[in-house]
Amino acid sequence: MSDVKTEFFAEVQATQMLWALQDKENEGWVVVDSANFEDAETMPLWSTESLALKSCTDDWADYKPTQISVADWLEFWFEDLSEDNVIIGLDWQDEQECAELELGDFTKQIADIEKLK
């Protein structure tokens, strides 16, 4: 597992929170074309609010970091996103390669983290 993934899941385990970017006006979420998977979209998620905040520039200037609890992810988000063939991007940083995980693999690791809390 890469350092980005290791650090991401360690931080999420400690806080039991994920961070996504939500539009201030219409409450939509940032989703972009996947860099690694054809015909899939990526939902960037961050392990900390400060990392998410760094991405609130340019095209995403109208978005704000919004926390999602691990419990809410498992209860609501997985099912909704699985219907849309969404991939998860970890600690997305502008102009850098982003680690992406398939939704099922990501959610399994999140479930494992919740068991450890």
N, C-alpha and C. Protein backbone atom coordinates (compact mmCIF):
# COMPACT_ATOMS: atom_id res chain seq x y z
N MET A 1 0.85 -1.19 0.00
CA MET A 1 0.00 0.00 0.00
C MET A 1 0.89 1.24 0.00
N SER A 2 0.54 2.21 -0.82
CA SER A 2 1.38 3.40 -0.92
C SER A 2 1.31 4.25 0.35
N ASP A 3 2.29 5.15 0.49
CA ASP A 3 2.32 6.03 1.65
C ASP A 3 1.06 6.88 1.76
N VAL A 4 0.57 7.38 0.61
CA VAL A 4 -0.64 8.21 0.62
C VAL A 4 -1.80 7.42 1.21
N LYS A 5 -1.97 6.19 0.77
CA LYS A 5 -3.06 5.37 1.29
C LYS A 5 -2.88 5.08 2.77
N THR A 6 -1.67 4.73 3.16
CA THR A 6 -1.38 4.42 4.56
C THR A 6 -1.68 5.62 5.45
N GLU A 7 -1.18 6.79 5.04
CA GLU A 7 -1.40 8.01 5.82
C GLU A 7 -2.88 8.39 5.85
N PHE A 8 -3.55 8.26 4.70
CA PHE A 8 -4.97 8.59 4.62
C PHE A 8 -5.77 7.76 5.62
N PHE A 9 -5.61 6.45 5.56
CA PHE A 9 -6.41 5.58 6.43
C PHE A 9 -6.02 5.70 7.90
N ALA A 10 -4.76 5.98 8.18
CA ALA A 10 -4.34 6.19 9.58
C ALA A 10 -5.02 7.43 10.15
N GLU A 11 -5.06 8.51 9.38
CA GLU A 11 -5.71 9.75 9.83
C GLU A 11 -7.21 9.54 10.01
N VAL A 12 -7.84 8.88 9.06
CA VAL A 12 -9.29 8.63 9.14
C VAL A 12 -9.60 7.73 10.34
N GLN A 13 -8.76 6.75 10.59
CA GLN A 13 -8.97 5.89 11.75
C GLN A 13 -8.94 6.70 13.04
N ALA A 14 -8.02 7.64 13.14
CA ALA A 14 -7.88 8.44 14.35
C ALA A 14 -9.07 9.37 14.56
N THR A 15 -9.60 9.95 13.48
CA THR A 15 -10.66 10.95 13.62
C THR A 15 -12.06 10.40 13.34
N GLN A 16 -12.13 9.26 12.63
CA GLN A 16 -13.40 8.68 12.18
C GLN A 16 -14.16 9.63 11.26
N MET A 17 -13.40 10.50 10.54
CA MET A 17 -14.00 11.47 9.63
C MET A 17 -13.31 11.44 8.27
N LEU A 18 -14.11 11.67 7.24
CA LEU A 18 -13.64 11.90 5.88
C LEU A 18 -14.04 13.33 5.53
N TRP A 19 -13.36 13.91 4.56
CA TRP A 19 -13.70 15.27 4.12
C TRP A 19 -13.91 15.28 2.62
N ALA A 20 -14.98 15.91 2.17
CA ALA A 20 -15.28 16.08 0.75
C ALA A 20 -15.56 17.56 0.53
N LEU A 21 -15.58 17.98 -0.74
CA LEU A 21 -15.89 19.37 -1.06
C LEU A 21 -17.32 19.48 -1.53
N GLN A 22 -18.05 20.39 -0.87
CA GLN A 22 -19.47 20.60 -1.17
C GLN A 22 -19.67 22.04 -1.62
N ASP A 23 -20.47 22.21 -2.69
CA ASP A 23 -20.76 23.53 -3.22
C ASP A 23 -21.52 24.35 -2.18
N LYS A 24 -21.09 25.60 -1.98
CA LYS A 24 -21.72 26.46 -0.97
C LYS A 24 -23.16 26.81 -1.35
N GLU A 25 -23.44 26.86 -2.66
CA GLU A 25 -24.76 27.28 -3.12
C GLU A 25 -25.75 26.12 -3.25
N ASN A 26 -25.41 25.14 -4.10
CA ASN A 26 -26.39 24.09 -4.40
C ASN A 26 -26.14 22.78 -3.67
N GLU A 27 -25.11 22.76 -2.82
CA GLU A 27 -24.79 21.61 -1.98
C GLU A 27 -24.39 20.37 -2.77
N GLY A 28 -24.00 20.55 -4.06
CA GLY A 28 -23.46 19.43 -4.83
C GLY A 28 -22.05 19.12 -4.37
N TRP A 29 -21.54 17.97 -4.76
CA TRP A 29 -20.22 17.51 -4.33
C TRP A 29 -19.25 17.50 -5.51
N VAL A 30 -17.97 17.72 -5.25
CA VAL A 30 -16.96 17.65 -6.30
C VAL A 30 -16.80 16.20 -6.75
N VAL A 31 -16.96 16.00 -8.05
CA VAL A 31 -16.69 14.72 -8.70
C VAL A 31 -16.02 15.06 -10.03
N VAL A 32 -14.94 14.36 -10.35
CA VAL A 32 -14.16 14.63 -11.57
C VAL A 32 -13.96 13.34 -12.35
N ASP A 33 -13.51 13.49 -13.61
CA ASP A 33 -13.19 12.30 -14.40
C ASP A 33 -12.01 11.58 -13.77
N SER A 34 -12.09 10.27 -13.73
CA SER A 34 -11.01 9.46 -13.17
C SER A 34 -9.77 9.54 -14.06
N ALA A 35 -8.61 9.63 -13.43
CA ALA A 35 -7.35 9.63 -14.17
C ALA A 35 -6.91 8.21 -14.51
N ASN A 36 -7.39 7.23 -13.76
CA ASN A 36 -6.89 5.86 -13.90
C ASN A 36 -7.91 4.84 -14.40
N PHE A 37 -9.19 5.18 -14.37
CA PHE A 37 -10.22 4.23 -14.77
C PHE A 37 -11.07 4.85 -15.87
N GLU A 38 -11.19 4.15 -17.00
CA GLU A 38 -11.99 4.64 -18.10
C GLU A 38 -13.47 4.65 -17.73
N ASP A 39 -14.19 5.62 -18.23
CA ASP A 39 -15.64 5.70 -18.03
C ASP A 39 -16.06 5.68 -16.56
N ALA A 40 -15.23 6.26 -15.71
CA ALA A 40 -15.57 6.34 -14.29
C ALA A 40 -15.30 7.77 -13.81
N GLU A 41 -16.03 8.15 -12.79
CA GLU A 41 -15.79 9.43 -12.16
C GLU A 41 -15.16 9.19 -10.80
N THR A 42 -14.37 10.17 -10.36
CA THR A 42 -13.71 10.08 -9.07
C THR A 42 -14.29 11.12 -8.13
N MET A 43 -14.59 10.70 -6.92
CA MET A 43 -14.96 11.63 -5.85
C MET A 43 -13.73 11.79 -4.98
N PRO A 44 -13.10 12.96 -5.02
CA PRO A 44 -11.95 13.17 -4.14
C PRO A 44 -12.40 13.25 -2.68
N LEU A 45 -11.66 12.56 -1.82
CA LEU A 45 -11.89 12.63 -0.38
C LEU A 45 -10.56 12.93 0.29
N TRP A 46 -10.63 13.65 1.39
CA TRP A 46 -9.42 14.02 2.13
C TRP A 46 -9.52 13.49 3.55
N SER A 47 -8.35 13.29 4.14
CA SER A 47 -8.29 12.76 5.50
C SER A 47 -8.35 13.86 6.55
N THR A 48 -8.11 15.11 6.14
CA THR A 48 -8.18 16.25 7.07
C THR A 48 -8.87 17.43 6.40
N GLU A 49 -9.45 18.28 7.22
CA GLU A 49 -10.08 19.49 6.71
C GLU A 49 -9.05 20.40 6.04
N SER A 50 -7.86 20.50 6.63
CA SER A 50 -6.85 21.41 6.08
C SER A 50 -6.40 20.97 4.68
N LEU A 51 -6.25 19.68 4.45
CA LEU A 51 -5.91 19.20 3.11
C LEU A 51 -7.03 19.50 2.12
N ALA A 52 -8.27 19.29 2.53
CA ALA A 52 -9.41 19.58 1.66
C ALA A 52 -9.48 21.07 1.34
N LEU A 53 -9.21 21.90 2.33
CA LEU A 53 -9.28 23.35 2.15
C LEU A 53 -8.27 23.83 1.11
N LYS A 54 -7.12 23.19 1.03
CA LYS A 54 -6.10 23.58 0.04
C LYS A 54 -6.60 23.43 -1.39
N SER A 55 -7.61 22.59 -1.60
CA SER A 55 -8.14 22.37 -2.94
C SER A 55 -9.28 23.32 -3.30
N CYS A 56 -9.67 24.19 -2.39
CA CYS A 56 -10.78 25.12 -2.63
C CYS A 56 -10.28 26.37 -3.37
N THR A 57 -9.72 26.15 -4.55
CA THR A 57 -9.21 27.23 -5.39
C THR A 57 -9.70 27.03 -6.81
N ASP A 58 -9.49 28.03 -7.63
CA ASP A 58 -9.82 27.95 -9.06
C ASP A 58 -11.24 27.43 -9.27
N ASP A 59 -11.36 26.29 -9.98
CA ASP A 59 -12.69 25.74 -10.29
C ASP A 59 -13.47 25.34 -9.05
N TRP A 60 -12.76 25.10 -7.95
CA TRP A 60 -13.43 24.65 -6.73
C TRP A 60 -13.48 25.75 -5.66
N ALA A 61 -13.33 26.99 -6.07
CA ALA A 61 -13.33 28.11 -5.11
C ALA A 61 -14.69 28.27 -4.42
N ASP A 62 -15.76 27.83 -5.05
CA ASP A 62 -17.10 27.96 -4.47
C ASP A 62 -17.49 26.76 -3.62
N TYR A 63 -16.52 25.91 -3.31
CA TYR A 63 -16.78 24.73 -2.49
C TYR A 63 -16.17 24.90 -1.11
N LYS A 64 -16.72 24.14 -0.16
CA LYS A 64 -16.18 24.18 1.21
C LYS A 64 -15.96 22.75 1.68
N PRO A 65 -14.93 22.51 2.52
CA PRO A 65 -14.74 21.18 3.08
C PRO A 65 -15.92 20.82 3.99
N THR A 66 -16.43 19.63 3.79
CA THR A 66 -17.56 19.14 4.58
C THR A 66 -17.22 17.76 5.10
N GLN A 67 -17.41 17.56 6.40
CA GLN A 67 -17.04 16.27 6.97
C GLN A 67 -18.13 15.23 6.78
N ILE A 68 -17.67 13.99 6.61
CA ILE A 68 -18.55 12.83 6.50
C ILE A 68 -18.03 11.82 7.51
N SER A 69 -18.85 11.42 8.44
CA SER A 69 -18.38 10.45 9.43
C SER A 69 -18.23 9.08 8.77
N VAL A 70 -17.35 8.28 9.31
CA VAL A 70 -17.16 6.92 8.82
C VAL A 70 -18.49 6.16 8.89
N ALA A 71 -19.22 6.33 9.98
CA ALA A 71 -20.52 5.65 10.14
C ALA A 71 -21.50 6.08 9.03
N ASP A 72 -21.56 7.38 8.73
CA ASP A 72 -22.45 7.85 7.66
C ASP A 72 -22.01 7.31 6.30
N TRP A 73 -20.69 7.25 6.09
CA TRP A 73 -20.19 6.71 4.82
C TRP A 73 -20.72 5.29 4.63
N LEU A 74 -20.59 4.48 5.64
CA LEU A 74 -21.00 3.09 5.54
C LEU A 74 -22.52 2.94 5.42
N GLU A 75 -23.25 3.82 6.09
CA GLU A 75 -24.71 3.70 6.10
C GLU A 75 -25.37 4.27 4.85
N PHE A 76 -24.85 5.39 4.33
CA PHE A 76 -25.55 6.10 3.25
C PHE A 76 -24.76 6.20 1.95
N TRP A 77 -23.51 6.57 2.04
CA TRP A 77 -22.74 6.97 0.85
C TRP A 77 -22.41 5.81 -0.07
N PHE A 78 -21.99 4.69 0.47
CA PHE A 78 -21.55 3.57 -0.36
C PHE A 78 -22.63 3.18 -1.36
N GLU A 79 -23.83 2.98 -0.88
CA GLU A 79 -24.92 2.53 -1.75
C GLU A 79 -25.21 3.56 -2.85
N ASP A 80 -25.28 4.84 -2.48
CA ASP A 80 -25.57 5.88 -3.46
C ASP A 80 -24.49 5.96 -4.53
N LEU A 81 -23.23 5.92 -4.12
CA LEU A 81 -22.13 6.06 -5.08
C LEU A 81 -21.94 4.81 -5.93
N SER A 82 -22.25 3.65 -5.39
CA SER A 82 -22.05 2.42 -6.16
C SER A 82 -22.97 2.38 -7.38
N GLU A 83 -24.12 3.03 -7.28
CA GLU A 83 -25.05 3.09 -8.41
C GLU A 83 -24.49 3.94 -9.55
N ASP A 84 -23.54 4.83 -9.23
CA ASP A 84 -23.01 5.78 -10.22
C ASP A 84 -21.60 5.43 -10.71
N ASN A 85 -21.08 4.26 -10.37
CA ASN A 85 -19.74 3.83 -10.81
C ASN A 85 -18.67 4.85 -10.44
N VAL A 86 -18.68 5.28 -9.19
CA VAL A 86 -17.74 6.30 -8.72
C VAL A 86 -16.52 5.64 -8.08
N ILE A 87 -15.34 6.18 -8.39
CA ILE A 87 -14.07 5.77 -7.81
C ILE A 87 -13.72 6.82 -6.74
N ILE A 88 -12.93 6.44 -5.74
CA ILE A 88 -12.56 7.38 -4.68
C ILE A 88 -11.10 7.81 -4.85
N GLY A 89 -10.88 9.13 -4.83
CA GLY A 89 -9.53 9.69 -4.88
C GLY A 89 -9.09 10.08 -3.48
N LEU A 90 -7.88 9.69 -3.09
CA LEU A 90 -7.41 9.92 -1.73
C LEU A 90 -6.51 11.14 -1.63
N ASP A 91 -6.86 12.05 -0.71
CA ASP A 91 -6.06 13.25 -0.44
C ASP A 91 -5.57 13.93 -1.71
N TRP A 92 -6.51 14.21 -2.59
CA TRP A 92 -6.28 14.84 -3.88
C TRP A 92 -5.46 16.12 -3.73
N GLN A 93 -4.42 16.26 -4.50
CA GLN A 93 -3.62 17.48 -4.52
C GLN A 93 -3.49 17.94 -5.96
N ASP A 94 -3.70 19.20 -6.21
CA ASP A 94 -3.66 19.77 -7.55
C ASP A 94 -2.33 19.45 -8.23
N GLU A 95 -2.42 19.05 -9.49
CA GLU A 95 -1.24 18.80 -10.33
C GLU A 95 -0.42 17.59 -9.89
N GLN A 96 -0.88 16.80 -8.95
CA GLN A 96 -0.14 15.61 -8.54
C GLN A 96 -0.96 14.38 -8.86
N GLU A 97 -0.28 13.27 -9.04
CA GLU A 97 -0.99 12.03 -9.28
C GLU A 97 -1.78 11.66 -8.02
N CYS A 98 -3.00 11.27 -8.21
CA CYS A 98 -3.88 10.96 -7.08
C CYS A 98 -4.06 9.46 -6.96
N ALA A 99 -3.94 8.95 -5.76
CA ALA A 99 -4.24 7.54 -5.52
C ALA A 99 -5.76 7.37 -5.63
N GLU A 100 -6.17 6.39 -6.43
CA GLU A 100 -7.60 6.11 -6.58
C GLU A 100 -7.87 4.66 -6.20
N LEU A 101 -8.99 4.47 -5.55
CA LEU A 101 -9.43 3.12 -5.18
C LEU A 101 -10.84 2.90 -5.67
N GLU A 102 -11.12 1.67 -6.07
CA GLU A 102 -12.49 1.34 -6.42
C GLU A 102 -13.34 1.46 -5.16
N LEU A 103 -14.59 1.83 -5.35
CA LEU A 103 -15.49 2.12 -4.23
C LEU A 103 -15.58 0.96 -3.23
N GLY A 104 -15.70 -0.26 -3.74
CA GLY A 104 -15.81 -1.42 -2.84
C GLY A 104 -14.56 -1.61 -2.00
N ASP A 105 -13.38 -1.46 -2.61
CA ASP A 105 -12.12 -1.61 -1.87
C ASP A 105 -11.98 -0.51 -0.82
N PHE A 106 -12.32 0.72 -1.21
CA PHE A 106 -12.24 1.84 -0.27
C PHE A 106 -13.17 1.62 0.92
N THR A 107 -14.41 1.23 0.62
CA THR A 107 -15.41 1.06 1.68
C THR A 107 -15.05 -0.10 2.60
N LYS A 108 -14.44 -1.16 2.06
CA LYS A 108 -14.01 -2.27 2.91
C LYS A 108 -12.96 -1.77 3.91
N GLN A 109 -12.03 -0.94 3.46
CA GLN A 109 -11.02 -0.42 4.37
C GLN A 109 -11.64 0.52 5.40
N ILE A 110 -12.63 1.30 4.99
CA ILE A 110 -13.34 2.17 5.93
C ILE A 110 -14.07 1.32 6.98
N ALA A 111 -14.70 0.22 6.56
CA ALA A 111 -15.40 -0.67 7.50
C ALA A 111 -14.40 -1.26 8.49
N ASP A 112 -13.22 -1.64 8.01
CA ASP A 112 -12.19 -2.18 8.90
C ASP A 112 -11.76 -1.13 9.93
N ILE A 113 -11.64 0.11 9.48
CA ILE A 113 -11.26 1.22 10.38
C ILE A 113 -12.32 1.44 11.45
N GLU A 114 -13.60 1.36 11.05
CA GLU A 114 -14.67 1.59 12.02
C GLU A 114 -14.63 0.52 13.11
N LYS A 115 -14.30 -0.71 12.74
CA LYS A 115 -14.24 -1.79 13.72
C LYS A 115 -13.14 -1.54 14.76
N LEU A 116 -12.11 -0.79 14.36
CA LEU A 116 -10.96 -0.56 15.23
C LEU A 116 -11.12 0.62 16.18
N LYS A 117 -12.18 1.38 15.99
CA LYS A 117 -12.30 2.61 16.81
C LYS A 117 -12.52 2.31 18.27
